[in-house]
Amino acid sequence: ATPIDFAFAIHSQVGDKCTGAKINGRIVALRTEIENGDVVEILTNPNSHPSRDWLNHVVTSRARNRIRHWIS
């Protein structure tokens, strides 16, 4: 899964406001794969919202459905 999937798994509002992610203390691209044992921190911004491009990177149906809901 990706940090976007992880953000939506925490809570839909976290996913909706996601702007970036840190994995093991390092800033990474939102399309980066999360490995078992990784420590993930989701960066948020209250003025942010999901991007249509995220559909190309998410793996889980929950994240995909939530992004589609926001776009439509």
Protein backbone atom coordinates (compact mmCIF):
# COMPACT_ATOMS: atom_id res chain seq x y z
CA ALA A 1 0.00 0.00 0.00
CA THR A 2 0.97 3.65 -0.29
CA PRO A 3 0.87 6.54 2.19
CA ILE A 4 -2.40 7.64 0.57
CA ASP A 5 -3.97 4.25 1.35
CA PHE A 6 -2.62 4.50 4.90
CA ALA A 7 -4.06 8.01 5.36
CA PHE A 8 -7.54 6.87 4.30
CA ALA A 9 -7.25 3.80 6.55
CA ILE A 10 -6.66 6.08 9.55
CA HIS A 11 -9.68 8.28 8.79
CA SER A 12 -11.31 9.67 5.66
CA GLN A 13 -10.62 13.25 6.80
CA VAL A 14 -6.91 12.47 7.16
CA GLY A 15 -6.87 11.13 3.60
CA ASP A 16 -8.83 14.11 2.30
CA LYS A 17 -6.30 16.56 3.80
CA CYS A 18 -3.13 14.58 3.03
CA THR A 19 -0.32 16.63 1.44
CA GLY A 20 2.69 14.41 2.01
CA ALA A 21 4.22 11.63 4.04
CA LYS A 22 7.30 10.65 5.99
CA ILE A 23 8.41 7.04 6.16
CA ASN A 24 10.96 6.26 8.87
CA GLY A 25 11.56 10.01 9.30
CA ARG A 26 12.25 10.74 5.61
CA ILE A 27 9.89 12.70 3.35
CA VAL A 28 8.77 10.45 0.48
CA ALA A 29 6.53 10.66 -2.57
CA LEU A 30 2.90 9.68 -2.00
CA ARG A 31 3.31 6.82 -4.50
CA THR A 32 6.04 5.14 -2.39
CA GLU A 33 5.26 1.58 -1.26
CA ILE A 34 5.04 1.05 2.49
CA GLU A 35 6.91 -1.98 3.80
CA ASN A 36 6.13 -3.99 6.95
CA GLY A 37 7.65 -2.32 9.99
CA ASP A 38 7.81 1.17 8.46
CA VAL A 39 6.89 4.10 10.68
CA VAL A 40 4.57 6.36 8.65
CA GLU A 41 3.67 9.97 9.39
CA ILE A 42 0.99 11.65 7.29
CA LEU A 43 1.39 15.38 6.64
CA THR A 44 -1.89 17.28 6.30
CA ASN A 45 -3.11 20.73 5.36
CA PRO A 46 -6.67 21.95 6.08
CA ASN A 47 -6.86 23.55 2.61
CA SER A 48 -5.83 20.40 0.73
CA HIS A 49 -8.01 17.85 -1.08
CA PRO A 50 -7.55 14.61 -3.05
CA SER A 51 -6.12 14.75 -6.55
CA ARG A 52 -7.35 12.73 -9.54
CA ASP A 53 -3.72 11.55 -9.99
CA TRP A 54 -3.95 9.67 -6.69
CA LEU A 55 -6.16 7.07 -8.39
CA ASN A 56 -3.04 5.87 -10.26
CA HIS A 57 -1.18 5.18 -7.00
CA VAL A 58 -3.70 3.77 -4.51
CA VAL A 59 -4.08 0.05 -3.94
CA THR A 60 -7.04 -0.26 -1.57
CA SER A 61 -10.66 0.04 -2.63
CA ARG A 62 -11.45 2.21 0.39
CA ALA A 63 -8.99 4.90 -0.73
CA ARG A 64 -10.04 4.61 -4.39
CA ASN A 65 -13.74 4.98 -3.54
CA ARG A 66 -13.13 7.95 -1.24
CA ILE A 67 -11.04 9.76 -3.89
CA ARG A 68 -13.72 9.10 -6.53
CA HIS A 69 -16.36 10.42 -4.12
CA TRP A 70 -14.40 13.65 -3.63
CA ILE A 71 -13.79 14.15 -7.39
CA SER A 72 -17.41 13.63 -8.45
